[in-house]
Amino acid sequence: MVKGEQVIKVEGFELRCKMPAIAGNALRVFSERSAFLVKLTTASGAEGWGETWAYPGAASALIKSALAPVVLGADVTNPRAAQAQMLKLAVPDRRGQVHMAVSALDIAIWDAFGHVEGKPIHALLGGALRDKILTYASGPLLPAGKNRYAGFADEIARYAQLGFQAVKIRIGTSMEEDLGAIRQARSILGKDAFLMADLNESSNVRDAVALAHQAQDADLGWLEEPVSHDNLPAYRRLAELLPVPLAGGESFCGVQAFRDVLRDGSLDIVQPDIALCGGITEGMRIAGLADAFEIPVAPHVWGTCINFLASLQYAAVLSPRLGRIPYPLFEYDMSFNPLRAAIYDPKPDAQGNIAIPDGAGLGVRIEIDRLADYVTDHWVLER
């Protein structure tokens, strides 16, 4: 086994692609998808890829100016040490951009470590607890304009035809429209499918509680982020009043943010995004904390193929939780996304599961040439 695999090159790639139509969620819409990828190369030629998808330009600048110098010369066979060195720069920013940028580099280090050892990341994390995972179709995006649910029924039917046994829909436009969408989705999917709803921080405590009570006939598996993610007093009230489980955490950076909601009993399901929260290293701390409170982890998955693959590796080692929903559950963004599909586009099996890749590192070889049409900036730093 090779030791002391030092990073000798760090490369950054900003990616952008136009959406076929302006769409988003109840609060915001967008016309393009974007992300930042980082590639590490070691002295022996091993490569590792990582991602953060929020504020790619800012992440690129932060990594290039401050974090890449920390990583150059780091040993990829010791990801925890590298992450600890990077997080020393987070003193004035313990809940935001630094963790997002660190996430990209941490994922890349784990990927490179896997290629050095010839093992998937889940093996390096102690071993997989599963070789496949139940995945839920996440969508559709809500189109801009007066009819926010245009094409909704056709999309839900498409998910069912593809074999998904679980679906999470976006809501938050109005009580009447939201209830109509929830019930329409339940009608299309049937009574046995798992159905969840995401308000994307677009509501308030009283309206969210009223919606959940009126939608009880649709048997929601969870209600996600009804209010601003950092409004912890509101989440404490929601946890007491909602008749359905409460999910959230996709925008939390660092294990300390999860500590606060778990200590208060504010969330029934936590949803770290490892491309934002601090990477796989931080994700494992969050999973350990969730284990202590016996709370399920359902990773939030957005962005490119890198976060998708890294999240699958992470999901492979998450503890199972008892209940009618077989946690962990994996999110599959169903919106237009060539930044993922150009590299990896798996389909669910007859039970709604997708396989967890067992190749080295992320499990699948990353060929950046497949994304060449979407690269808008590329830089290189070498030791």
Protein backbone atom coordinates (compact mmCIF):
# COMPACT_ATOMS: atom_id res chain seq x y z
CA MET A 1 0.00 0.00 0.00
CA VAL A 2 1.44 3.34 -1.07
CA LYS A 3 1.83 5.99 1.62
CA GLY A 4 2.60 9.67 1.50
CA GLU A 5 0.76 10.42 -1.75
CA GLN A 6 1.28 14.14 -2.00
CA VAL A 7 -0.83 16.52 -4.07
CA ILE A 8 1.30 18.23 -6.71
CA LYS A 9 -1.43 19.89 -8.80
CA VAL A 10 -4.80 21.52 -8.14
CA GLU A 11 -7.11 22.43 -11.02
CA GLY A 12 -10.36 24.36 -10.92
CA PHE A 13 -13.24 24.15 -13.40
CA GLU A 14 -16.27 26.44 -13.44
CA LEU A 15 -19.23 24.86 -15.23
CA ARG A 16 -22.41 26.45 -16.56
CA CYS A 17 -25.26 25.22 -18.73
CA LYS A 18 -28.42 26.94 -19.92
CA MET A 19 -31.76 25.58 -18.77
CA PRO A 20 -34.33 24.82 -21.50
CA ALA A 21 -36.76 27.09 -19.61
CA ILE A 22 -36.63 29.34 -16.56
CA ALA A 23 -37.75 27.35 -13.52
CA GLY A 24 -36.98 26.76 -9.85
CA ASN A 25 -38.93 26.56 -6.63
CA ALA A 26 -41.56 28.67 -4.90
CA LEU A 27 -39.07 31.37 -3.90
CA ARG A 28 -36.58 31.61 -6.75
CA VAL A 29 -36.11 30.62 -10.37
CA PHE A 30 -32.99 30.31 -12.51
CA SER A 31 -32.04 30.16 -16.17
CA GLU A 32 -28.81 28.17 -15.86
CA ARG A 33 -27.14 25.54 -13.73
CA SER A 34 -23.63 26.09 -12.44
CA ALA A 35 -21.04 24.37 -10.28
CA PHE A 36 -17.35 24.36 -9.42
CA LEU A 37 -15.24 21.22 -9.81
CA VAL A 38 -11.75 20.69 -8.49
CA LYS A 39 -9.25 18.10 -9.66
CA LEU A 40 -6.25 16.96 -7.64
CA THR A 41 -3.24 15.09 -9.04
CA THR A 42 -0.72 13.30 -6.83
CA ALA A 43 2.96 12.65 -7.39
CA SER A 44 2.21 9.13 -8.66
CA GLY A 45 -0.47 10.37 -11.06
CA ALA A 46 -3.54 9.47 -9.01
CA GLU A 47 -6.45 11.86 -9.58
CA GLY A 48 -9.32 12.99 -7.43
CA TRP A 49 -12.42 15.04 -8.24
CA GLY A 50 -14.55 17.17 -5.94
CA GLU A 51 -17.42 19.65 -6.18
CA THR A 52 -19.26 22.50 -4.60
CA TRP A 53 -22.24 23.86 -6.49
CA ALA A 54 -23.20 26.97 -4.52
CA TYR A 55 -21.54 30.23 -5.61
CA PRO A 56 -19.03 28.59 -7.98
CA GLY A 57 -17.19 31.82 -8.76
CA ALA A 58 -16.65 32.60 -5.09
CA ALA A 59 -15.60 29.01 -4.38
CA SER A 60 -13.12 29.13 -7.26
CA ALA A 61 -11.52 32.33 -5.99
CA LEU A 62 -11.37 31.08 -2.38
CA ILE A 63 -9.84 27.75 -3.33
CA LYS A 64 -7.33 29.26 -5.72
CA SER A 65 -6.19 32.00 -3.34
CA ALA A 66 -6.40 30.35 0.09
CA LEU A 67 -7.21 26.64 0.17
CA ALA A 68 -5.22 25.19 -2.75
CA PRO A 69 -1.91 26.31 -1.15
CA VAL A 70 -2.92 24.33 1.94
CA VAL A 71 -3.71 21.24 -0.14
CA LEU A 72 -0.61 21.32 -2.35
CA GLY A 73 1.77 18.89 -0.66
CA ALA A 74 -0.97 17.30 1.45
CA ASP A 75 -1.14 13.51 1.75
CA VAL A 76 -4.35 12.22 0.14
CA THR A 77 -4.18 9.05 2.23
CA ASN A 78 -4.97 11.18 5.28
CA PRO A 79 -8.12 13.16 4.37
CA ARG A 80 -8.95 14.11 7.95
CA ALA A 81 -5.61 15.84 8.42
CA ALA A 82 -6.01 17.78 5.20
CA GLN A 83 -9.54 18.86 6.10
CA ALA A 84 -8.40 19.97 9.57
CA GLN A 85 -5.73 22.18 8.03
CA MET A 86 -8.23 23.75 5.65
CA LEU A 87 -10.80 24.40 8.37
CA LYS A 88 -8.25 26.46 10.29
CA LEU A 89 -9.13 29.16 7.76
CA ALA A 90 -12.80 29.05 8.76
CA VAL A 91 -12.48 30.92 12.05
CA PRO A 92 -14.47 34.00 10.90
CA ASP A 93 -16.78 31.90 8.69
CA ARG A 94 -17.81 28.73 10.48
CA ARG A 95 -21.19 28.36 8.78
CA GLY A 96 -20.74 29.29 5.13
CA GLN A 97 -18.47 29.73 2.13
CA VAL A 98 -15.32 28.22 3.62
CA HIS A 99 -17.10 24.95 4.36
CA MET A 100 -18.52 24.92 0.84
CA ALA A 101 -15.07 25.36 -0.71
CA VAL A 102 -13.52 22.84 1.68
CA SER A 103 -16.23 20.38 0.59
CA ALA A 104 -14.93 20.32 -2.97
CA LEU A 105 -11.34 19.67 -1.92
CA ASP A 106 -12.28 17.12 0.74
CA ILE A 107 -14.31 15.07 -1.76
CA ALA A 108 -11.40 15.23 -4.22
CA ILE A 109 -8.95 14.02 -1.56
CA TRP A 110 -11.17 11.05 -0.73
CA ASP A 111 -11.50 10.24 -4.43
CA ALA A 112 -7.73 10.40 -4.92
CA PHE A 113 -7.26 8.25 -1.80
CA GLY A 114 -9.55 5.65 -3.33
CA HIS A 115 -7.52 5.60 -6.55
CA VAL A 116 -4.28 5.23 -4.61
CA GLU A 117 -5.69 2.25 -2.72
CA GLY A 118 -7.74 0.84 -5.62
CA LYS A 119 -10.88 0.89 -3.47
CA PRO A 120 -14.22 2.74 -3.48
CA ILE A 121 -14.59 5.50 -0.92
CA HIS A 122 -17.14 3.47 1.05
CA ALA A 123 -14.48 0.83 1.69
CA LEU A 124 -12.14 3.51 3.05
CA LEU A 125 -14.94 4.70 5.35
CA GLY A 126 -15.14 1.31 7.01
CA GLY A 127 -17.22 -0.71 4.58
CA ALA A 128 -20.58 -0.48 2.85
CA LEU A 129 -23.78 -1.46 4.63
CA ARG A 130 -25.59 -1.82 1.29
CA ASP A 131 -24.79 -2.21 -2.39
CA LYS A 132 -27.94 -0.45 -3.58
CA ILE A 133 -30.23 2.19 -2.16
CA LEU A 134 -33.85 3.26 -2.53
CA THR A 135 -33.84 6.52 -4.44
CA TYR A 136 -36.55 9.13 -4.70
CA ALA A 137 -37.28 11.26 -7.74
CA SER A 138 -36.90 14.90 -6.75
CA GLY A 139 -38.93 17.23 -8.94
CA PRO A 140 -40.22 18.73 -10.99
CA LEU A 141 -38.88 22.27 -10.94
CA LEU A 142 -41.67 24.83 -10.94
CA PRO A 143 -41.69 26.82 -14.20
CA ALA A 144 -41.67 30.62 -14.04
CA GLY A 145 -44.90 32.36 -14.99
CA LYS A 146 -48.49 32.29 -13.87
CA ASN A 147 -48.93 28.51 -13.97
CA ARG A 148 -46.25 27.22 -11.62
CA TYR A 149 -47.54 23.64 -11.95
CA ALA A 150 -47.56 23.49 -15.75
CA GLY A 151 -46.59 19.96 -16.87
CA PHE A 152 -46.64 18.70 -13.27
CA ALA A 153 -48.83 15.63 -13.79
CA ASP A 154 -46.87 14.48 -16.84
CA GLU A 155 -43.60 14.69 -14.91
CA ILE A 156 -44.91 12.71 -11.95
CA ALA A 157 -46.23 10.07 -14.34
CA ARG A 158 -42.78 9.92 -15.97
CA TYR A 159 -41.14 9.23 -12.61
CA ALA A 160 -43.55 6.38 -11.97
CA GLN A 161 -42.92 4.94 -15.43
CA LEU A 162 -39.17 5.03 -14.79
CA GLY A 163 -39.67 2.83 -11.75
CA PHE A 164 -39.33 5.26 -8.85
CA GLN A 165 -41.15 4.08 -5.74
CA ALA A 166 -40.65 7.41 -3.94
CA VAL A 167 -41.08 11.01 -5.09
CA LYS A 168 -40.50 14.42 -3.52
CA ILE A 169 -42.39 17.33 -5.04
CA ARG A 170 -41.80 21.09 -4.77
CA ILE A 171 -44.67 23.17 -3.43
CA GLY A 172 -45.15 26.60 -1.86
CA THR A 173 -47.22 28.65 -4.30
CA SER A 174 -50.59 28.78 -2.53
CA MET A 175 -52.58 26.58 -0.17
CA GLU A 176 -55.07 25.59 -2.86
CA GLU A 177 -52.47 24.85 -5.54
CA ASP A 178 -50.17 23.03 -3.14
CA LEU A 179 -52.94 20.76 -1.88
CA GLY A 180 -53.97 20.08 -5.46
CA ALA A 181 -50.41 19.13 -6.43
CA ILE A 182 -49.96 16.86 -3.41
CA ARG A 183 -53.20 15.01 -4.06
CA GLN A 184 -52.55 14.77 -7.79
CA ALA A 185 -49.13 13.26 -7.14
CA ARG A 186 -50.62 10.74 -4.71
CA SER A 187 -53.30 9.79 -7.24
CA ILE A 188 -50.70 9.18 -9.97
CA LEU A 189 -48.21 7.33 -7.79
CA GLY A 190 -50.70 5.16 -5.92
CA LYS A 191 -51.14 4.57 -2.22
CA ASP A 192 -47.98 2.50 -1.69
CA ALA A 193 -45.41 4.97 -3.01
CA PHE A 194 -43.50 7.23 -0.62
CA LEU A 195 -44.49 10.85 -1.24
CA MET A 196 -42.71 13.86 0.29
CA ALA A 197 -43.14 17.61 -0.20
CA ASP A 198 -40.55 20.41 -0.11
CA LEU A 199 -41.59 24.00 0.65
CA ASN A 200 -38.07 25.35 0.00
CA GLU A 201 -38.31 27.85 2.89
CA SER A 202 -41.32 29.57 1.31
CA SER A 203 -43.87 29.37 4.14
CA ASN A 204 -44.39 30.17 7.82
CA VAL A 205 -45.23 28.10 10.86
CA ARG A 206 -49.01 28.53 10.85
CA ASP A 207 -49.47 28.03 7.10
CA ALA A 208 -47.18 24.99 7.03
CA VAL A 209 -49.07 23.36 9.90
CA ALA A 210 -52.42 24.09 8.24
CA LEU A 211 -51.19 22.63 4.95
CA ALA A 212 -49.89 19.47 6.60
CA HIS A 213 -53.18 18.90 8.42
CA GLN A 214 -55.26 19.42 5.29
CA ALA A 215 -52.98 17.10 3.30
CA GLN A 216 -53.16 14.21 5.78
CA ASP A 217 -55.23 12.18 3.31
CA ALA A 218 -52.19 12.15 1.00
CA ASP A 219 -50.01 10.47 3.67
CA LEU A 220 -46.84 12.56 3.28
CA GLY A 221 -43.62 10.89 4.35
CA TRP A 222 -42.12 14.24 5.33
CA LEU A 223 -42.47 17.99 4.92
CA GLU A 224 -39.16 19.66 4.03
CA GLU A 225 -37.88 23.09 5.04
CA PRO A 226 -41.17 24.99 5.47
CA VAL A 227 -39.35 28.10 6.77
CA SER A 228 -35.86 29.64 6.56
CA HIS A 229 -33.35 26.92 7.40
CA ASP A 230 -31.71 28.92 10.21
CA ASN A 231 -34.95 29.93 11.96
CA LEU A 232 -34.38 27.42 14.74
CA PRO A 233 -37.17 28.68 17.05
CA ALA A 234 -39.66 28.16 14.20
CA TYR A 235 -38.41 24.61 13.65
CA ARG A 236 -38.89 23.84 17.34
CA ARG A 237 -42.51 24.99 17.04
CA LEU A 238 -43.02 23.06 13.82
CA ALA A 239 -41.65 19.87 15.37
CA GLU A 240 -44.31 20.12 18.07
CA LEU A 241 -47.23 21.03 15.80
CA LEU A 242 -46.77 19.14 12.52
CA PRO A 243 -48.63 15.85 12.03
CA VAL A 244 -45.90 14.63 9.63
CA PRO A 245 -42.11 14.24 9.99
CA LEU A 246 -40.01 17.37 9.46
CA ALA A 247 -36.89 17.29 7.26
CA GLY A 248 -34.12 19.81 6.64
CA GLY A 249 -30.46 20.66 6.84
CA GLU A 250 -29.36 20.93 3.20
CA SER A 251 -27.98 24.45 3.76
CA PHE A 252 -26.19 23.70 7.04
CA CYS A 253 -22.41 24.01 6.98
CA GLY A 254 -20.38 22.20 9.63
CA VAL A 255 -21.38 19.63 12.21
CA GLN A 256 -22.12 22.35 14.77
CA ALA A 257 -25.15 23.53 12.77
CA PHE A 258 -26.59 20.02 12.93
CA ARG A 259 -25.79 19.80 16.65
CA ASP A 260 -28.19 22.63 17.37
CA VAL A 261 -31.24 21.13 15.61
CA LEU A 262 -30.58 17.61 16.86
CA ARG A 263 -30.17 18.76 20.43
CA ASP A 264 -33.49 20.61 20.21
CA GLY A 265 -35.31 17.73 18.52
CA SER A 266 -36.27 20.08 15.69
CA LEU A 267 -35.80 17.69 12.77
CA ASP A 268 -36.97 14.13 12.22
CA ILE A 269 -34.70 13.67 9.17
CA VAL A 270 -31.42 15.51 8.53
CA GLN A 271 -30.26 16.20 4.98
CA PRO A 272 -26.59 17.19 4.76
CA ASP A 273 -25.27 18.07 1.32
CA ILE A 274 -21.66 16.91 1.30
CA ALA A 275 -20.79 19.40 -1.44
CA LEU A 276 -21.71 22.20 1.01
CA CYS A 277 -21.40 20.99 4.59
CA GLY A 278 -17.64 20.34 4.61
CA GLY A 279 -17.24 17.25 2.44
CA ILE A 280 -17.24 13.56 3.21
CA THR A 281 -15.13 14.05 6.33
CA GLU A 282 -17.68 16.47 7.79
CA GLY A 283 -20.52 14.30 6.51
CA MET A 284 -19.25 11.40 8.60
CA ARG A 285 -19.20 13.59 11.71
CA ILE A 286 -22.78 14.63 10.98
CA ALA A 287 -23.80 10.99 10.48
CA GLY A 288 -22.19 10.04 13.80
CA LEU A 289 -24.05 12.83 15.55
CA ALA A 290 -27.33 11.75 13.94
CA ASP A 291 -26.65 8.18 15.10
CA ALA A 292 -26.34 9.40 18.68
CA PHE A 293 -29.87 10.83 18.42
CA GLU A 294 -31.16 7.89 16.31
CA ILE A 295 -32.19 10.30 13.56
CA PRO A 296 -32.09 9.15 9.91
CA VAL A 297 -29.82 10.83 7.37
CA ALA A 298 -31.11 11.38 3.83
CA PRO A 299 -28.40 13.23 1.87
CA HIS A 300 -29.42 16.27 -0.13
CA VAL A 301 -28.06 15.81 -3.65
CA TRP A 302 -27.80 18.64 -6.18
CA GLY A 303 -25.14 19.72 -8.66
CA THR A 304 -23.08 17.59 -11.00
CA CYS A 305 -22.10 13.95 -11.33
CA ILE A 306 -19.37 14.44 -8.72
CA ASN A 307 -21.72 15.24 -5.85
CA PHE A 308 -24.11 12.53 -7.02
CA LEU A 309 -21.38 9.87 -6.96
CA ALA A 310 -19.80 11.10 -3.74
CA SER A 311 -23.21 11.11 -2.05
CA LEU A 312 -23.79 7.51 -3.15
CA GLN A 313 -20.49 6.51 -1.54
CA TYR A 314 -21.55 8.35 1.62
CA ALA A 315 -25.01 6.79 1.60
CA ALA A 316 -23.45 3.32 1.40
CA VAL A 317 -22.16 3.63 4.97
CA LEU A 318 -25.07 5.43 6.66
CA SER A 319 -26.84 3.61 9.47
CA PRO A 320 -30.26 2.15 8.66
CA ARG A 321 -33.24 3.43 10.63
CA LEU A 322 -36.42 1.57 11.44
CA GLY A 323 -39.79 2.88 10.29
CA ARG A 324 -42.09 2.75 7.31
CA ILE A 325 -39.57 4.62 5.13
CA PRO A 326 -36.40 2.53 4.73
CA TYR A 327 -33.70 5.07 5.54
CA PRO A 328 -31.27 6.06 4.26
CA LEU A 329 -33.09 7.35 1.21
CA PHE A 330 -31.25 8.86 -1.77
CA GLU A 331 -32.26 12.00 -3.69
CA TYR A 332 -32.27 11.88 -7.50
CA ASP A 333 -32.70 15.32 -9.08
CA MET A 334 -34.93 14.80 -12.12
CA SER A 335 -34.58 18.24 -13.68
CA PHE A 336 -32.54 19.01 -16.81
CA ASN A 337 -28.96 18.34 -15.76
CA PRO A 338 -26.33 17.49 -18.39
CA LEU A 339 -23.68 18.27 -15.74
CA ARG A 340 -24.62 14.95 -14.17
CA ALA A 341 -26.09 12.96 -17.03
CA ALA A 342 -23.06 13.37 -19.31
CA ILE A 343 -21.04 11.26 -16.84
CA TYR A 344 -23.52 9.18 -14.85
CA ASP A 345 -27.23 8.62 -15.46
CA PRO A 346 -28.39 5.42 -13.71
CA LYS A 347 -31.96 4.14 -13.80
CA PRO A 348 -33.78 2.59 -10.84
CA ASP A 349 -34.47 -1.12 -10.78
CA ALA A 350 -37.91 -2.69 -10.38
CA GLN A 351 -37.86 -1.93 -6.64
CA GLY A 352 -36.80 1.70 -7.12
CA ASN A 353 -33.18 1.15 -6.08
CA ILE A 354 -29.98 2.27 -7.79
CA ALA A 355 -26.69 0.46 -7.41
CA ILE A 356 -23.78 2.00 -5.51
CA PRO A 357 -20.69 1.94 -7.77
CA ASP A 358 -17.77 -0.10 -6.46
CA GLY A 359 -14.95 1.18 -8.66
CA ALA A 360 -12.02 3.07 -7.16
CA GLY A 361 -12.73 6.38 -5.44
CA LEU A 362 -16.07 7.81 -6.52
CA GLY A 363 -16.75 4.48 -8.20
CA VAL A 364 -16.91 5.80 -11.77
CA ARG A 365 -14.17 7.25 -13.95
CA ILE A 366 -14.56 11.00 -14.46
CA GLU A 367 -13.88 12.11 -18.03
CA ILE A 368 -13.93 15.90 -18.02
CA ASP A 369 -13.97 15.98 -21.83
CA ARG A 370 -17.63 14.95 -21.64
CA LEU A 371 -18.31 18.25 -19.89
CA ALA A 372 -16.06 20.35 -22.13
CA ASP A 373 -18.97 22.30 -23.62
CA TYR A 374 -19.92 23.59 -20.16
CA VAL A 375 -16.48 24.66 -18.85
CA THR A 376 -16.38 28.47 -18.62
CA ASP A 377 -13.14 28.82 -16.64
CA HIS A 378 -10.16 26.57 -15.93
CA TRP A 379 -7.09 27.28 -13.83
CA VAL A 380 -4.07 25.25 -12.65
CA LEU A 381 -1.79 25.55 -9.63
CA GLU A 382 1.26 23.31 -9.27
CA ARG A 383 3.72 22.69 -6.51
